[in-house]
N, C-alpha and C. Protein backbone atom coordinates (compact mmCIF):
# COMPACT_ATOMS: atom_id res chain seq x y z
N UNK A 1 -2.17 -20.43 -11.63
CA UNK A 1 -1.56 -19.48 -12.52
C UNK A 1 -1.29 -18.16 -11.81
N UNK A 2 -2.07 -17.86 -10.72
CA UNK A 2 -1.85 -16.64 -9.97
C UNK A 2 -0.44 -16.60 -9.40
N UNK A 3 0.03 -17.74 -8.84
CA UNK A 3 1.37 -17.77 -8.28
C UNK A 3 2.42 -17.60 -9.36
N UNK A 4 2.17 -18.16 -10.54
CA UNK A 4 3.11 -17.99 -11.64
C UNK A 4 3.19 -16.53 -12.04
N UNK A 5 2.05 -15.83 -12.07
CA UNK A 5 2.04 -14.42 -12.42
C UNK A 5 2.79 -13.62 -11.38
N UNK A 6 2.56 -13.93 -10.09
CA UNK A 6 3.29 -13.24 -9.03
C UNK A 6 4.79 -13.46 -9.19
N UNK A 7 5.17 -14.69 -9.50
CA UNK A 7 6.59 -14.99 -9.70
C UNK A 7 7.12 -14.23 -10.91
N UNK A 8 6.32 -14.14 -11.96
CA UNK A 8 6.75 -13.44 -13.16
C UNK A 8 6.97 -11.96 -12.87
N UNK A 9 6.06 -11.35 -12.14
CA UNK A 9 6.18 -9.94 -11.83
C UNK A 9 7.33 -9.70 -10.86
N UNK A 10 7.63 -10.69 -10.03
CA UNK A 10 8.69 -10.55 -9.04
C UNK A 10 10.07 -10.85 -9.61
N UNK A 11 10.16 -11.11 -10.87
CA UNK A 11 11.45 -11.42 -11.49
C UNK A 11 12.46 -10.34 -11.13
N UNK A 12 13.66 -10.76 -10.74
CA UNK A 12 14.61 -9.74 -10.32
C UNK A 12 16.03 -9.90 -10.84
N UNK A 13 16.31 -10.70 -11.82
CA UNK A 13 17.66 -10.80 -12.34
C UNK A 13 17.72 -11.65 -13.57
N UNK A 14 18.87 -11.90 -14.11
CA UNK A 14 19.05 -12.68 -15.32
C UNK A 14 19.93 -13.89 -15.02
N UNK A 15 19.71 -15.03 -15.68
CA UNK A 15 20.50 -16.25 -15.50
C UNK A 15 21.29 -16.53 -16.76
N UNK A 16 22.56 -16.82 -16.61
CA UNK A 16 23.39 -17.06 -17.78
C UNK A 16 24.24 -18.30 -17.54
N UNK A 17 24.39 -19.17 -18.54
CA UNK A 17 25.26 -20.33 -18.42
C UNK A 17 25.99 -20.55 -19.72
N UNK A 18 27.08 -21.26 -19.62
CA UNK A 18 27.85 -21.57 -20.82
C UNK A 18 28.88 -20.49 -21.06
N UNK A 19 29.92 -20.84 -21.79
CA UNK A 19 30.98 -19.89 -22.09
C UNK A 19 30.52 -18.78 -23.01
N UNK A 20 29.83 -19.11 -24.06
CA UNK A 20 29.30 -18.10 -24.98
C UNK A 20 28.12 -18.71 -25.71
N UNK A 21 26.94 -18.17 -25.48
CA UNK A 21 25.74 -18.70 -26.11
C UNK A 21 25.13 -17.64 -26.99
N UNK A 22 24.73 -17.99 -28.18
CA UNK A 22 23.99 -17.08 -29.05
C UNK A 22 22.56 -17.57 -29.09
N UNK A 23 21.64 -16.74 -28.68
CA UNK A 23 20.23 -17.13 -28.63
C UNK A 23 19.48 -16.47 -29.78
N UNK A 24 18.78 -17.24 -30.59
CA UNK A 24 18.05 -16.65 -31.71
C UNK A 24 16.80 -15.92 -31.23
N UNK A 25 16.33 -15.01 -32.05
CA UNK A 25 15.10 -14.29 -31.73
C UNK A 25 13.91 -15.21 -31.88
N UNK A 26 12.88 -14.93 -31.13
CA UNK A 26 11.65 -15.71 -31.21
C UNK A 26 10.87 -15.36 -32.46
N UNK A 27 10.44 -16.35 -33.18
CA UNK A 27 9.66 -16.12 -34.40
C UNK A 27 8.24 -15.72 -34.05
N UNK A 28 7.76 -16.06 -32.87
CA UNK A 28 6.37 -15.81 -32.49
C UNK A 28 6.16 -14.40 -31.96
N UNK A 29 7.19 -13.66 -31.69
CA UNK A 29 7.03 -12.33 -31.14
C UNK A 29 6.75 -12.36 -29.66
N UNK A 30 5.98 -11.37 -29.18
CA UNK A 30 5.70 -11.19 -27.77
C UNK A 30 4.25 -11.55 -27.48
N UNK A 31 4.00 -12.08 -26.27
CA UNK A 31 2.65 -12.44 -25.85
C UNK A 31 2.39 -11.91 -24.45
N UNK A 32 1.14 -11.56 -24.18
CA UNK A 32 0.75 -11.15 -22.83
C UNK A 32 0.64 -12.39 -21.96
N UNK A 33 0.99 -12.25 -20.67
CA UNK A 33 0.88 -13.35 -19.73
C UNK A 33 -0.57 -13.80 -19.65
N UNK A 34 -0.79 -15.10 -19.55
CA UNK A 34 -2.12 -15.67 -19.50
C UNK A 34 -2.96 -15.03 -18.39
N UNK A 35 -4.21 -14.71 -18.71
CA UNK A 35 -5.12 -14.13 -17.75
C UNK A 35 -5.09 -12.62 -17.68
N UNK A 36 -4.17 -12.00 -18.39
CA UNK A 36 -4.10 -10.55 -18.40
C UNK A 36 -4.90 -9.98 -19.57
N UNK A 37 -5.35 -8.77 -19.42
CA UNK A 37 -6.00 -8.06 -20.50
C UNK A 37 -4.93 -7.78 -21.56
N UNK A 38 -5.14 -8.26 -22.77
CA UNK A 38 -4.14 -8.08 -23.82
C UNK A 38 -3.93 -6.62 -24.19
N UNK A 39 -4.89 -5.76 -23.87
CA UNK A 39 -4.74 -4.34 -24.16
C UNK A 39 -3.90 -3.62 -23.11
N UNK A 40 -3.77 -4.22 -21.91
CA UNK A 40 -3.00 -3.59 -20.83
C UNK A 40 -2.15 -4.61 -20.06
N UNK A 41 -1.29 -5.35 -20.74
CA UNK A 41 -0.49 -6.37 -20.03
C UNK A 41 0.62 -5.76 -19.19
N UNK A 42 0.89 -6.37 -18.04
CA UNK A 42 2.02 -5.98 -17.21
C UNK A 42 3.18 -6.95 -17.33
N UNK A 43 2.95 -8.09 -18.00
CA UNK A 43 4.00 -9.07 -18.24
C UNK A 43 3.85 -9.56 -19.67
N UNK A 44 4.96 -9.51 -20.43
CA UNK A 44 4.98 -10.06 -21.78
C UNK A 44 6.17 -11.00 -21.89
N UNK A 45 6.07 -11.95 -22.81
CA UNK A 45 7.15 -12.92 -22.96
C UNK A 45 7.17 -13.48 -24.37
N UNK A 46 8.30 -14.05 -24.73
CA UNK A 46 8.42 -14.82 -25.96
C UNK A 46 8.26 -16.27 -25.56
N UNK A 47 7.74 -17.09 -26.47
CA UNK A 47 7.50 -18.49 -26.12
C UNK A 47 7.58 -19.36 -27.37
N UNK A 48 8.75 -19.87 -27.65
CA UNK A 48 8.96 -20.77 -28.78
C UNK A 48 9.71 -21.98 -28.23
N UNK A 49 9.17 -23.18 -28.44
CA UNK A 49 9.71 -24.39 -27.83
C UNK A 49 11.19 -24.63 -28.14
N UNK A 50 11.65 -24.25 -29.32
CA UNK A 50 13.03 -24.55 -29.69
C UNK A 50 13.97 -23.36 -29.59
N UNK A 51 13.54 -22.30 -28.88
CA UNK A 51 14.39 -21.12 -28.72
C UNK A 51 14.33 -20.62 -27.27
N UNK A 52 15.37 -19.93 -26.88
CA UNK A 52 15.40 -19.35 -25.53
C UNK A 52 14.31 -18.29 -25.40
N UNK A 53 13.81 -18.11 -24.19
CA UNK A 53 12.73 -17.16 -23.96
C UNK A 53 13.19 -15.90 -23.26
N UNK A 54 12.36 -14.86 -23.37
CA UNK A 54 12.60 -13.59 -22.68
C UNK A 54 11.29 -13.12 -22.08
N UNK A 55 11.38 -12.41 -20.96
CA UNK A 55 10.19 -11.87 -20.32
C UNK A 55 10.50 -10.47 -19.81
N UNK A 56 9.53 -9.58 -19.97
CA UNK A 56 9.57 -8.24 -19.40
C UNK A 56 8.33 -8.08 -18.54
N UNK A 57 8.48 -7.45 -17.38
CA UNK A 57 7.35 -7.21 -16.49
C UNK A 57 7.49 -5.82 -15.90
N UNK A 58 6.35 -5.21 -15.53
CA UNK A 58 6.43 -3.93 -14.82
C UNK A 58 5.55 -4.01 -13.58
N UNK A 59 6.03 -3.37 -12.52
CA UNK A 59 5.30 -3.40 -11.25
C UNK A 59 4.25 -2.28 -11.22
N UNK A 60 3.61 -2.10 -10.09
CA UNK A 60 2.55 -1.10 -9.96
C UNK A 60 3.04 0.32 -10.17
N UNK A 61 4.34 0.54 -10.01
CA UNK A 61 4.92 1.86 -10.23
C UNK A 61 5.41 2.03 -11.67
N UNK A 62 5.26 0.99 -12.50
CA UNK A 62 5.70 1.06 -13.88
C UNK A 62 7.17 0.77 -14.07
N UNK A 63 7.83 0.29 -13.03
CA UNK A 63 9.26 -0.04 -13.12
C UNK A 63 9.40 -1.43 -13.74
N UNK A 64 10.30 -1.55 -14.71
CA UNK A 64 10.46 -2.83 -15.40
C UNK A 64 11.50 -3.74 -14.76
N UNK A 65 11.27 -5.03 -14.94
CA UNK A 65 12.22 -6.09 -14.63
C UNK A 65 12.31 -6.97 -15.87
N UNK A 66 13.37 -7.75 -15.97
CA UNK A 66 13.55 -8.59 -17.16
C UNK A 66 14.14 -9.94 -16.79
N UNK A 67 13.85 -10.93 -17.61
CA UNK A 67 14.37 -12.28 -17.42
C UNK A 67 14.63 -12.91 -18.78
N UNK A 68 15.68 -13.72 -18.87
CA UNK A 68 15.99 -14.51 -20.06
C UNK A 68 16.27 -15.94 -19.63
N UNK A 69 15.87 -16.90 -20.46
CA UNK A 69 16.25 -18.28 -20.21
C UNK A 69 17.57 -18.54 -20.94
N UNK A 70 18.33 -19.47 -20.43
CA UNK A 70 19.62 -19.79 -21.05
C UNK A 70 19.51 -20.85 -22.12
N UNK A 71 18.41 -21.51 -22.16
CA UNK A 71 18.21 -22.58 -23.14
C UNK A 71 16.77 -22.53 -23.63
N UNK A 72 16.47 -23.19 -24.72
CA UNK A 72 15.09 -23.18 -25.20
C UNK A 72 14.14 -23.67 -24.10
N UNK A 73 13.13 -22.86 -23.83
CA UNK A 73 12.19 -23.20 -22.76
C UNK A 73 10.97 -22.29 -22.85
N UNK A 74 9.85 -22.81 -22.42
CA UNK A 74 8.62 -22.04 -22.33
C UNK A 74 8.67 -21.23 -21.03
N UNK A 75 8.53 -19.92 -21.12
CA UNK A 75 8.58 -19.08 -19.92
C UNK A 75 7.53 -19.52 -18.88
N UNK A 76 6.26 -19.75 -19.27
CA UNK A 76 5.30 -20.20 -18.25
C UNK A 76 5.74 -21.50 -17.57
N UNK A 77 6.33 -22.43 -18.32
CA UNK A 77 6.81 -23.68 -17.72
C UNK A 77 7.99 -23.43 -16.79
N UNK A 78 8.90 -22.55 -17.19
CA UNK A 78 10.07 -22.22 -16.38
C UNK A 78 9.62 -21.61 -15.05
N UNK A 79 8.61 -20.75 -15.08
CA UNK A 79 8.17 -20.07 -13.87
C UNK A 79 7.47 -21.02 -12.89
N UNK A 80 7.07 -22.18 -13.34
CA UNK A 80 6.44 -23.18 -12.47
C UNK A 80 7.46 -24.00 -11.69
N UNK A 81 8.72 -23.97 -12.12
CA UNK A 81 9.76 -24.75 -11.45
C UNK A 81 10.04 -24.21 -10.06
N UNK A 82 10.23 -25.11 -9.10
CA UNK A 82 10.60 -24.74 -7.75
C UNK A 82 12.05 -24.27 -7.77
N UNK A 83 12.29 -23.04 -7.37
CA UNK A 83 13.63 -22.47 -7.43
C UNK A 83 13.95 -21.82 -6.09
N UNK A 84 14.57 -22.58 -5.21
CA UNK A 84 14.86 -22.09 -3.86
C UNK A 84 16.22 -21.42 -3.76
N UNK A 85 17.03 -21.52 -4.78
CA UNK A 85 18.38 -20.99 -4.70
C UNK A 85 18.68 -20.09 -5.89
N UNK A 86 19.29 -18.95 -5.61
CA UNK A 86 19.76 -18.04 -6.65
C UNK A 86 20.98 -17.32 -6.10
N UNK A 87 21.79 -16.82 -7.00
CA UNK A 87 22.97 -16.08 -6.56
C UNK A 87 23.17 -14.88 -7.48
N UNK A 88 23.84 -13.88 -6.95
CA UNK A 88 24.14 -12.68 -7.72
C UNK A 88 25.31 -12.91 -8.64
N UNK A 89 25.35 -12.14 -9.70
CA UNK A 89 26.43 -12.25 -10.67
C UNK A 89 26.76 -10.86 -11.22
N UNK A 90 27.99 -10.41 -10.98
CA UNK A 90 28.42 -9.14 -11.56
C UNK A 90 28.53 -9.32 -13.06
N UNK A 91 28.03 -8.35 -13.81
CA UNK A 91 27.93 -8.50 -15.25
C UNK A 91 28.11 -7.17 -15.97
N UNK A 92 28.17 -7.27 -17.30
CA UNK A 92 28.18 -6.11 -18.19
C UNK A 92 27.08 -6.34 -19.22
N UNK A 93 26.34 -5.28 -19.53
CA UNK A 93 25.26 -5.35 -20.52
C UNK A 93 25.57 -4.37 -21.64
N UNK A 94 25.46 -4.85 -22.87
CA UNK A 94 25.70 -4.02 -24.04
C UNK A 94 24.54 -4.19 -25.01
N UNK A 95 24.07 -3.08 -25.56
CA UNK A 95 23.04 -3.12 -26.60
C UNK A 95 23.69 -2.60 -27.87
N UNK A 96 23.68 -3.45 -28.91
CA UNK A 96 24.29 -3.07 -30.18
C UNK A 96 25.76 -2.72 -29.98
N UNK A 97 26.19 -1.65 -30.60
CA UNK A 97 27.58 -1.20 -30.47
C UNK A 97 27.78 -0.21 -29.35
N UNK A 98 26.79 -0.08 -28.46
CA UNK A 98 26.87 0.88 -27.35
C UNK A 98 27.89 0.50 -26.31
N UNK A 99 28.05 1.40 -25.36
CA UNK A 99 28.99 1.20 -24.26
C UNK A 99 28.44 0.16 -23.28
N UNK A 100 29.31 -0.69 -22.77
CA UNK A 100 28.90 -1.69 -21.79
C UNK A 100 28.60 -1.01 -20.46
N UNK A 101 27.51 -1.43 -19.82
CA UNK A 101 27.13 -0.90 -18.52
C UNK A 101 27.25 -2.01 -17.47
N UNK A 102 27.75 -1.66 -16.29
CA UNK A 102 27.84 -2.63 -15.21
C UNK A 102 26.45 -2.92 -14.67
N UNK A 103 26.23 -4.19 -14.30
CA UNK A 103 24.93 -4.61 -13.77
C UNK A 103 25.13 -5.83 -12.88
N UNK A 104 24.18 -6.06 -12.01
CA UNK A 104 24.15 -7.28 -11.21
C UNK A 104 22.92 -8.06 -11.61
N UNK A 105 23.11 -9.33 -11.92
CA UNK A 105 22.01 -10.20 -12.29
C UNK A 105 21.85 -11.28 -11.23
N UNK A 106 20.71 -11.90 -11.22
CA UNK A 106 20.47 -13.04 -10.35
C UNK A 106 20.36 -14.27 -11.23
N UNK A 107 21.19 -15.24 -10.94
CA UNK A 107 21.22 -16.51 -11.66
C UNK A 107 20.45 -17.53 -10.84
N UNK A 108 19.45 -18.18 -11.46
CA UNK A 108 18.66 -19.19 -10.78
C UNK A 108 18.88 -20.53 -11.48
N UNK A 109 19.73 -21.40 -10.91
CA UNK A 109 20.07 -22.66 -11.56
C UNK A 109 18.87 -23.55 -11.87
N UNK A 110 17.91 -23.66 -10.96
CA UNK A 110 16.77 -24.56 -11.18
C UNK A 110 15.91 -24.14 -12.36
N UNK A 111 15.89 -22.85 -12.64
CA UNK A 111 15.11 -22.35 -13.77
C UNK A 111 15.96 -22.10 -15.00
N UNK A 112 17.27 -22.08 -14.80
CA UNK A 112 18.20 -21.75 -15.87
C UNK A 112 17.84 -20.41 -16.49
N UNK A 113 17.74 -19.41 -15.59
CA UNK A 113 17.40 -18.06 -16.00
C UNK A 113 18.36 -17.05 -15.39
N UNK A 114 18.45 -15.90 -16.03
CA UNK A 114 19.11 -14.74 -15.45
C UNK A 114 18.05 -13.66 -15.36
N UNK A 115 18.10 -12.90 -14.27
CA UNK A 115 17.06 -11.91 -14.01
C UNK A 115 17.67 -10.60 -13.54
N UNK A 116 17.00 -9.50 -13.87
CA UNK A 116 17.42 -8.19 -13.37
C UNK A 116 16.21 -7.44 -12.86
N UNK A 117 16.29 -6.97 -11.62
CA UNK A 117 15.22 -6.15 -11.05
C UNK A 117 15.55 -4.67 -11.14
N UNK A 118 16.72 -4.35 -11.65
CA UNK A 118 17.13 -2.96 -11.82
C UNK A 118 16.42 -2.38 -13.05
N UNK A 119 15.57 -1.37 -12.87
CA UNK A 119 14.86 -0.81 -14.02
C UNK A 119 15.77 -0.33 -15.15
N UNK A 120 16.94 0.20 -14.83
CA UNK A 120 17.85 0.67 -15.88
C UNK A 120 18.38 -0.50 -16.70
N UNK A 121 18.67 -1.61 -16.06
CA UNK A 121 19.14 -2.79 -16.78
C UNK A 121 18.00 -3.39 -17.59
N UNK A 122 16.81 -3.48 -17.00
CA UNK A 122 15.65 -3.99 -17.74
C UNK A 122 15.36 -3.11 -18.95
N UNK A 123 15.58 -1.81 -18.81
CA UNK A 123 15.37 -0.89 -19.93
C UNK A 123 16.33 -1.20 -21.08
N UNK A 124 17.52 -1.66 -20.77
CA UNK A 124 18.45 -2.05 -21.83
C UNK A 124 17.91 -3.25 -22.60
N UNK A 125 17.33 -4.21 -21.90
CA UNK A 125 16.72 -5.37 -22.55
C UNK A 125 15.57 -4.88 -23.44
N UNK A 126 14.72 -4.05 -22.89
CA UNK A 126 13.59 -3.46 -23.61
C UNK A 126 14.08 -2.72 -24.87
N UNK A 127 15.09 -1.86 -24.67
CA UNK A 127 15.61 -1.07 -25.79
C UNK A 127 16.25 -1.92 -26.88
N UNK A 128 16.82 -3.05 -26.50
CA UNK A 128 17.40 -3.91 -27.52
C UNK A 128 16.32 -4.43 -28.47
N UNK A 129 15.13 -4.69 -27.93
CA UNK A 129 14.00 -5.11 -28.77
C UNK A 129 13.51 -3.94 -29.62
N UNK A 130 13.38 -2.77 -29.01
CA UNK A 130 12.90 -1.58 -29.73
C UNK A 130 13.83 -1.24 -30.88
N UNK A 131 15.12 -1.28 -30.62
CA UNK A 131 16.11 -0.92 -31.63
C UNK A 131 16.44 -2.05 -32.60
N UNK A 132 16.04 -3.27 -32.24
CA UNK A 132 16.38 -4.42 -33.08
C UNK A 132 17.88 -4.72 -33.06
N UNK A 133 18.52 -4.39 -31.95
CA UNK A 133 19.97 -4.58 -31.83
C UNK A 133 20.29 -5.75 -30.91
N UNK A 134 21.46 -6.31 -31.11
CA UNK A 134 21.96 -7.43 -30.32
C UNK A 134 22.08 -7.03 -28.85
N UNK A 135 21.60 -7.90 -27.96
CA UNK A 135 21.76 -7.74 -26.52
C UNK A 135 22.86 -8.69 -26.09
N UNK A 136 23.86 -8.17 -25.41
CA UNK A 136 24.99 -8.99 -24.95
C UNK A 136 25.13 -8.80 -23.45
N UNK A 137 25.16 -9.93 -22.74
CA UNK A 137 25.34 -9.90 -21.28
C UNK A 137 26.53 -10.79 -20.95
N UNK A 138 27.55 -10.18 -20.36
CA UNK A 138 28.75 -10.90 -19.96
C UNK A 138 28.74 -11.00 -18.44
N UNK A 139 28.73 -12.23 -17.93
CA UNK A 139 28.72 -12.41 -16.48
C UNK A 139 30.08 -12.85 -15.99
N UNK A 140 30.28 -12.68 -14.70
CA UNK A 140 31.56 -13.03 -14.08
C UNK A 140 31.81 -14.53 -14.10
N UNK A 141 30.76 -15.34 -13.83
CA UNK A 141 30.94 -16.79 -13.70
C UNK A 141 30.17 -17.61 -14.73
N UNK A 142 29.01 -17.14 -15.16
CA UNK A 142 28.13 -17.97 -15.97
C UNK A 142 28.43 -17.91 -17.47
N UNK A 143 29.25 -16.99 -17.90
CA UNK A 143 29.60 -16.89 -19.31
C UNK A 143 28.95 -15.68 -19.97
N UNK A 144 28.83 -15.74 -21.29
CA UNK A 144 28.29 -14.64 -22.08
C UNK A 144 27.07 -15.12 -22.85
N UNK A 145 26.07 -14.28 -22.91
CA UNK A 145 24.88 -14.59 -23.69
C UNK A 145 24.65 -13.45 -24.68
N UNK A 146 24.31 -13.80 -25.90
CA UNK A 146 23.99 -12.82 -26.94
C UNK A 146 22.67 -13.23 -27.56
N UNK A 147 21.78 -12.27 -27.74
CA UNK A 147 20.48 -12.56 -28.34
C UNK A 147 19.94 -11.33 -29.05
N UNK A 148 19.12 -11.56 -30.03
CA UNK A 148 18.35 -10.50 -30.67
C UNK A 148 16.89 -10.81 -30.39
N UNK A 149 16.24 -9.93 -29.67
CA UNK A 149 14.85 -10.14 -29.27
C UNK A 149 13.90 -9.84 -30.42
N UNK A 150 12.69 -10.40 -30.37
CA UNK A 150 11.71 -10.10 -31.41
C UNK A 150 11.40 -8.60 -31.47
N UNK A 151 11.04 -8.14 -32.64
CA UNK A 151 10.67 -6.74 -32.84
C UNK A 151 9.38 -6.43 -32.07
N UNK A 152 9.19 -5.17 -31.70
CA UNK A 152 7.95 -4.78 -31.03
C UNK A 152 6.74 -5.12 -31.91
N UNK A 153 5.73 -5.71 -31.29
CA UNK A 153 4.48 -6.04 -31.97
C UNK A 153 3.35 -5.47 -31.12
N UNK A 154 2.12 -5.87 -31.38
CA UNK A 154 0.97 -5.31 -30.65
C UNK A 154 1.08 -5.56 -29.14
N UNK A 155 1.47 -6.77 -28.73
CA UNK A 155 1.59 -7.07 -27.30
C UNK A 155 2.68 -6.23 -26.66
N UNK A 156 3.81 -6.08 -27.34
CA UNK A 156 4.93 -5.28 -26.83
C UNK A 156 4.51 -3.82 -26.67
N UNK A 157 3.83 -3.29 -27.67
CA UNK A 157 3.39 -1.88 -27.63
C UNK A 157 2.36 -1.66 -26.53
N UNK A 158 1.46 -2.62 -26.32
CA UNK A 158 0.48 -2.51 -25.24
C UNK A 158 1.18 -2.52 -23.88
N UNK A 159 2.20 -3.37 -23.74
CA UNK A 159 3.00 -3.44 -22.52
C UNK A 159 3.68 -2.09 -22.27
N UNK A 160 4.29 -1.53 -23.30
CA UNK A 160 4.98 -0.25 -23.17
C UNK A 160 4.01 0.84 -22.72
N UNK A 161 2.83 0.86 -23.29
CA UNK A 161 1.82 1.86 -22.93
C UNK A 161 1.36 1.66 -21.48
N UNK A 162 1.18 0.41 -21.09
CA UNK A 162 0.76 0.09 -19.71
C UNK A 162 1.80 0.57 -18.71
N UNK A 163 3.07 0.22 -18.94
CA UNK A 163 4.13 0.61 -18.00
C UNK A 163 4.27 2.12 -17.94
N UNK A 164 4.17 2.79 -19.08
CA UNK A 164 4.27 4.25 -19.11
C UNK A 164 3.13 4.86 -18.30
N UNK A 165 1.92 4.35 -18.47
CA UNK A 165 0.78 4.85 -17.70
C UNK A 165 0.95 4.64 -16.21
N UNK A 166 1.48 3.49 -15.83
CA UNK A 166 1.70 3.20 -14.40
C UNK A 166 2.77 4.14 -13.82
N UNK A 167 3.84 4.44 -14.59
CA UNK A 167 4.87 5.37 -14.13
C UNK A 167 4.29 6.77 -13.93
N UNK A 168 3.45 7.22 -14.89
CA UNK A 168 2.84 8.55 -14.78
C UNK A 168 1.91 8.62 -13.57
N UNK A 169 1.11 7.58 -13.35
CA UNK A 169 0.19 7.54 -12.21
C UNK A 169 0.97 7.54 -10.89
N UNK A 170 2.08 6.81 -10.83
CA UNK A 170 2.88 6.74 -9.61
C UNK A 170 3.55 8.07 -9.31
N UNK A 171 3.85 8.85 -10.33
CA UNK A 171 4.53 10.13 -10.16
C UNK A 171 3.57 11.22 -9.66
N UNK A 172 2.28 10.99 -9.83
CA UNK A 172 1.28 12.02 -9.42
C UNK A 172 1.02 11.98 -7.94
């Protein structure tokens, strides 16, 4: 599980497939990655067998990364897949009715995920959950994905506090 956690924290882009996919929100909300202190998680994810998953992680500096699956899948199971190939994808990210922002995602075919290591892009994913607004990612080749993430819950709030604390500590 240590390697899976390292892979989860190392997430660096988003994977998108299909012409236009609408992904439903997870009914289970957010969960801390296995083995982490639930009061101070650095990785949280949604995990519902019949719905696409999302993951947010923050590094030691409190910078966030984000990942979404393109199809219903368990994030811990997805992270166990051997994925030796990924490619960049020029994209646009929109939260709710806001202005689209340019972004580069990493598409990993073996995992069927899109990932972003850019903290500003990951913040858009985070903010879509906070605001309860639709997240739309349009990629150059993989298509468009639209999803509404679960609302912030105890795990999400603990993650937010952890990342904020790490950013403040790194700035000192």
